[in-house]
């Protein structure tokens, strides 16, 4: 979590002030600010970095109320066919993973999968039954992405979710499978969730407040207090989400 300042301002990393004194991540930022101010002897803090690696909550697998992505991820069965305008989607070794990836992609209207090989097609793809082709699924319209989930709300009870620190690899919580991703130890890929509870001090209200992610694999959707605020694709690049202009409840917990 970052509260940046101009180039001439002092920059303090909260966890550089006193490494001997561990700060629990769920401690409200107002308390952390008080701790840091005492450590720097009342120097003016124009810029702060708050380390957010600790005390996340983790849920393996997706929700049971219809799933993520578009509101309707149902595909009509596509008989064994040969299709035009299809592109290879690598590392999708199971049909369910191939279909889920297509479901998330609003430009994907059809998928084909066989023998650990996945193909995705656009609205311009055409398919003709052919015994030498591949089976799959097809849809003729793509609803807008789903952006409302109960578990993104601030009031959602995540007390039974596993406490984890990040970086964290949810793949290692899965079960090994012959159909799993060979590049990830034959572990399946899926959709999982992380939650974090924190507070922003009232004195930051007029400041720019940013949440920086060093990397989230592979498609990351970010919600604050139930409101969708950002989405990032590419697990190997960092990205920043502004919080001061999102629906953050100042002085109270955000999740």
Protein backbone atom coordinates (compact mmCIF):
# COMPACT_ATOMS: atom_id res chain seq x y z
CA UNK A 1 0.00 0.00 0.00
CA UNK A 2 1.50 3.30 -1.08
CA UNK A 3 0.90 6.92 -0.21
CA UNK A 4 3.23 8.57 -2.74
CA UNK A 5 4.60 12.09 -2.67
CA UNK A 6 6.53 14.34 -5.02
CA UNK A 7 10.18 13.66 -5.81
CA UNK A 8 11.47 16.02 -3.12
CA UNK A 9 9.43 14.52 -0.28
CA UNK A 10 10.78 12.19 2.35
CA UNK A 11 10.13 8.50 1.68
CA UNK A 12 9.79 6.01 4.53
CA UNK A 13 9.16 2.28 4.32
CA UNK A 14 7.10 1.29 7.35
CA UNK A 15 8.86 -2.02 7.76
CA UNK A 16 12.30 -0.41 7.48
CA UNK A 17 11.70 1.75 10.55
CA UNK A 18 12.06 -1.04 13.07
CA UNK A 19 12.47 -4.58 11.76
CA UNK A 20 12.87 -5.92 15.28
CA UNK A 21 9.29 -4.99 16.08
CA UNK A 22 6.95 -7.09 13.97
CA UNK A 23 3.79 -5.32 12.94
CA UNK A 24 0.80 -7.57 12.46
CA UNK A 25 -0.70 -6.88 9.04
CA UNK A 26 -4.25 -6.67 10.30
CA UNK A 27 -3.32 -3.83 12.65
CA UNK A 28 -5.19 -0.74 11.49
CA UNK A 29 -3.06 1.70 9.54
CA UNK A 30 -3.81 4.39 12.08
CA UNK A 31 -1.97 2.33 14.71
CA UNK A 32 0.86 1.60 12.27
CA UNK A 33 1.22 5.29 11.52
CA UNK A 34 1.46 6.04 15.24
CA UNK A 35 4.12 3.36 15.63
CA UNK A 36 6.15 4.68 12.72
CA UNK A 37 5.92 8.28 13.83
CA UNK A 38 7.37 7.36 17.20
CA UNK A 39 10.16 5.48 15.43
CA UNK A 40 11.15 8.42 13.25
CA UNK A 41 10.84 10.95 16.07
CA UNK A 42 7.99 13.01 14.66
CA UNK A 43 9.59 13.62 11.28
CA UNK A 44 7.14 14.64 8.59
CA UNK A 45 6.07 11.63 6.53
CA UNK A 46 5.05 12.80 3.08
CA UNK A 47 5.35 9.35 1.52
CA UNK A 48 4.71 5.92 3.03
CA UNK A 49 4.95 2.28 1.97
CA UNK A 50 2.92 -0.20 4.01
CA UNK A 51 3.89 -3.82 3.43
CA UNK A 52 0.80 -5.92 2.73
CA UNK A 53 2.39 -9.38 2.53
CA UNK A 54 0.90 -10.70 5.76
CA UNK A 55 -2.42 -12.06 7.05
CA UNK A 56 -4.40 -12.56 3.87
CA UNK A 57 -7.34 -14.98 3.75
CA UNK A 58 -7.39 -17.65 1.05
CA UNK A 59 -10.08 -19.82 -0.50
CA UNK A 60 -9.12 -22.64 -2.88
CA UNK A 61 -11.55 -22.96 -5.76
CA UNK A 62 -14.41 -20.87 -7.04
CA UNK A 63 -17.74 -19.96 -5.51
CA UNK A 64 -20.70 -22.26 -6.05
CA UNK A 65 -23.22 -19.61 -7.12
CA UNK A 66 -22.57 -19.59 -10.84
CA UNK A 67 -18.87 -18.92 -11.02
CA UNK A 68 -16.80 -15.99 -12.21
CA UNK A 69 -16.43 -14.30 -15.56
CA UNK A 70 -19.57 -13.78 -17.66
CA UNK A 71 -22.88 -14.41 -15.98
CA UNK A 72 -23.52 -17.36 -18.26
CA UNK A 73 -20.68 -19.69 -19.10
CA UNK A 74 -22.76 -22.45 -20.66
CA UNK A 75 -21.64 -23.73 -24.03
CA UNK A 76 -23.62 -25.77 -26.53
CA UNK A 77 -21.88 -29.05 -27.27
CA UNK A 78 -19.77 -28.81 -30.38
CA UNK A 79 -19.59 -32.15 -32.14
CA UNK A 80 -16.27 -33.32 -33.52
CA UNK A 81 -15.57 -30.61 -36.08
CA UNK A 82 -12.99 -28.69 -37.99
CA UNK A 83 -13.13 -24.96 -37.24
CA UNK A 84 -11.63 -21.91 -38.89
CA UNK A 85 -10.07 -18.86 -37.18
CA UNK A 86 -9.02 -20.82 -34.10
CA UNK A 87 -5.93 -20.07 -32.00
CA UNK A 88 -3.96 -22.38 -29.74
CA UNK A 89 -4.36 -21.55 -26.03
CA UNK A 90 -1.32 -23.15 -24.37
CA UNK A 91 -1.18 -24.86 -20.96
CA UNK A 92 -4.89 -25.70 -20.95
CA UNK A 93 -4.57 -29.44 -20.55
CA UNK A 94 -8.11 -30.35 -19.49
CA UNK A 95 -11.38 -29.64 -21.25
CA UNK A 96 -12.76 -27.87 -18.18
CA UNK A 97 -9.75 -25.53 -18.06
CA UNK A 98 -10.00 -24.88 -21.80
CA UNK A 99 -13.71 -24.06 -21.44
CA UNK A 100 -13.17 -21.86 -18.37
CA UNK A 101 -10.47 -19.84 -20.14
CA UNK A 102 -12.86 -19.29 -23.04
CA UNK A 103 -15.60 -18.34 -20.59
CA UNK A 104 -13.43 -15.56 -19.14
CA UNK A 105 -12.46 -14.24 -22.57
CA UNK A 106 -15.22 -12.02 -23.95
CA UNK A 107 -13.72 -12.48 -27.44
CA UNK A 108 -13.98 -16.27 -27.25
CA UNK A 109 -17.06 -17.90 -28.76
CA UNK A 110 -15.90 -21.47 -29.21
CA UNK A 111 -13.33 -23.87 -27.89
CA UNK A 112 -11.99 -27.26 -28.94
CA UNK A 113 -10.00 -29.64 -26.82
CA UNK A 114 -8.42 -33.03 -27.28
CA UNK A 115 -5.37 -34.85 -26.02
CA UNK A 116 -4.22 -31.95 -23.78
CA UNK A 117 -4.54 -29.45 -26.65
CA UNK A 118 -6.83 -26.39 -26.44
CA UNK A 119 -8.05 -24.11 -29.22
CA UNK A 120 -10.12 -20.91 -28.90
CA UNK A 121 -12.14 -19.23 -31.61
CA UNK A 122 -13.60 -15.74 -32.09
CA UNK A 123 -17.03 -14.70 -33.33
CA UNK A 124 -15.67 -15.18 -36.84
CA UNK A 125 -14.91 -18.86 -36.30
CA UNK A 126 -16.95 -21.35 -38.30
CA UNK A 127 -17.15 -25.06 -37.56
CA UNK A 128 -18.05 -27.96 -39.81
CA UNK A 129 -18.64 -31.49 -38.51
CA UNK A 130 -15.70 -33.67 -39.44
CA UNK A 131 -14.60 -36.96 -37.92
CA UNK A 132 -10.98 -35.80 -38.20
CA UNK A 133 -11.64 -32.68 -36.14
CA UNK A 134 -11.92 -31.94 -32.42
CA UNK A 135 -14.88 -31.79 -30.00
CA UNK A 136 -15.63 -28.77 -27.85
CA UNK A 137 -18.24 -26.14 -27.10
CA UNK A 138 -19.74 -23.07 -28.71
CA UNK A 139 -21.81 -20.03 -27.73
CA UNK A 140 -23.45 -17.45 -29.96
CA UNK A 141 -23.43 -14.50 -27.58
CA UNK A 142 -21.20 -13.34 -24.73
CA UNK A 143 -22.81 -11.55 -21.78
CA UNK A 144 -20.82 -8.85 -19.98
CA UNK A 145 -18.41 -10.02 -17.27
CA UNK A 146 -19.93 -10.72 -13.91
CA UNK A 147 -18.81 -8.14 -11.33
CA UNK A 148 -20.91 -8.89 -8.23
CA UNK A 149 -19.99 -11.55 -5.68
CA UNK A 150 -21.09 -11.90 -2.07
CA UNK A 151 -17.56 -12.79 -0.97
CA UNK A 152 -16.21 -9.43 -2.14
CA UNK A 153 -18.44 -7.52 0.28
CA UNK A 154 -16.94 -5.97 3.41
CA UNK A 155 -19.44 -7.80 5.63
CA UNK A 156 -18.64 -11.26 4.23
CA UNK A 157 -17.48 -13.71 6.90
CA UNK A 158 -14.13 -15.16 5.80
CA UNK A 159 -13.17 -16.51 9.22
CA UNK A 160 -13.04 -20.08 7.91
CA UNK A 161 -10.69 -19.15 5.05
CA UNK A 162 -7.06 -20.21 5.41
CA UNK A 163 -4.70 -17.47 6.70
CA UNK A 164 -1.74 -17.10 4.31
CA UNK A 165 1.13 -14.73 3.63
CA UNK A 166 2.05 -13.69 0.11
CA UNK A 167 3.68 -14.54 -2.17
CA UNK A 168 1.48 -17.61 -2.11
CA UNK A 169 0.89 -20.34 -4.71
CA UNK A 170 -2.64 -21.68 -4.52
CA UNK A 171 -1.73 -24.40 -7.01
CA UNK A 172 0.14 -26.37 -4.36
CA UNK A 173 -3.12 -26.77 -2.44
CA UNK A 174 -4.61 -28.82 -5.29
CA UNK A 175 -4.43 -32.52 -6.02
CA UNK A 176 -1.92 -33.98 -8.45
CA UNK A 177 -3.46 -35.26 -11.67
CA UNK A 178 -2.24 -36.89 -14.86
CA UNK A 179 -4.28 -34.23 -16.67
CA UNK A 180 -2.62 -31.42 -14.70
CA UNK A 181 -0.33 -28.75 -16.05
CA UNK A 182 3.05 -30.34 -16.82
CA UNK A 183 4.66 -26.93 -16.32
CA UNK A 184 3.26 -26.74 -12.78
CA UNK A 185 4.01 -30.17 -11.36
CA UNK A 186 0.84 -31.81 -12.75
CA UNK A 187 -1.30 -29.63 -10.50
CA UNK A 188 -4.62 -28.32 -11.86
CA UNK A 189 -5.29 -24.68 -12.59
CA UNK A 190 -8.45 -23.13 -11.23
CA UNK A 191 -10.04 -19.95 -9.91
CA UNK A 192 -9.30 -19.04 -6.29
CA UNK A 193 -9.86 -16.07 -4.01
CA UNK A 194 -7.87 -13.93 -1.58
CA UNK A 195 -9.19 -11.35 0.87
CA UNK A 196 -7.44 -8.67 2.91
CA UNK A 197 -8.87 -6.48 5.68
CA UNK A 198 -7.36 -3.05 6.33
CA UNK A 199 -8.20 0.53 7.26
CA UNK A 200 -7.15 3.86 5.78
CA UNK A 201 -6.56 6.77 8.18
CA UNK A 202 -8.92 9.70 7.84
CA UNK A 203 -5.90 12.00 7.42
CA UNK A 204 -5.10 10.30 4.12
CA UNK A 205 -8.42 11.33 2.58
CA UNK A 206 -6.89 14.11 0.49
CA UNK A 207 -3.90 11.98 -0.55
CA UNK A 208 -3.24 9.63 -3.45
CA UNK A 209 -3.37 6.06 -2.07
CA UNK A 210 -2.28 3.15 -4.23
CA UNK A 211 -2.23 -0.61 -3.80
CA UNK A 212 0.67 -2.15 -5.70
CA UNK A 213 0.74 -5.82 -6.72
CA UNK A 214 4.11 -7.18 -7.77
CA UNK A 215 2.45 -10.00 -9.70
CA UNK A 216 -0.76 -12.05 -9.67
CA UNK A 217 -1.12 -15.08 -11.93
CA UNK A 218 -2.85 -15.01 -14.30
CA UNK A 219 -6.00 -12.90 -14.58
CA UNK A 220 -6.51 -10.83 -11.43
CA UNK A 221 -9.81 -9.09 -10.63
CA UNK A 222 -9.65 -6.61 -7.73
CA UNK A 223 -12.62 -5.57 -5.58
CA UNK A 224 -12.83 -3.08 -2.71
CA UNK A 225 -15.82 -3.36 -0.40
CA UNK A 226 -17.76 -5.24 -3.05
CA UNK A 227 -16.99 -2.82 -5.88
CA UNK A 228 -14.97 -3.95 -8.89
CA UNK A 229 -12.04 -1.56 -9.31
CA UNK A 230 -9.48 -3.19 -11.64
CA UNK A 231 -8.48 -6.19 -13.68
CA UNK A 232 -5.00 -7.15 -14.84
CA UNK A 233 -3.91 -9.89 -17.25
CA UNK A 234 -0.31 -11.17 -17.21
CA UNK A 235 1.07 -12.84 -14.13
CA UNK A 236 4.63 -11.61 -14.53
CA UNK A 237 4.04 -7.86 -14.50
CA UNK A 238 3.18 -5.64 -11.55
CA UNK A 239 0.21 -3.30 -11.50
CA UNK A 240 -1.19 -0.51 -9.33
CA UNK A 241 -4.75 0.09 -8.15
CA UNK A 242 -5.77 3.51 -6.87
CA UNK A 243 -7.84 3.38 -3.70
CA UNK A 244 -8.46 7.04 -2.89
CA UNK A 245 -10.97 7.35 -5.73
CA UNK A 246 -12.56 3.92 -5.13
CA UNK A 247 -15.34 3.02 -2.71
CA UNK A 248 -13.06 2.80 0.31
CA UNK A 249 -14.73 3.58 3.65
CA UNK A 250 -12.28 5.98 5.24
CA UNK A 251 -11.42 5.25 8.84
CA UNK A 252 -13.15 1.83 8.71
CA UNK A 253 -12.20 -1.57 7.40
CA UNK A 254 -11.93 -2.15 3.68
CA UNK A 255 -11.76 -5.59 2.11
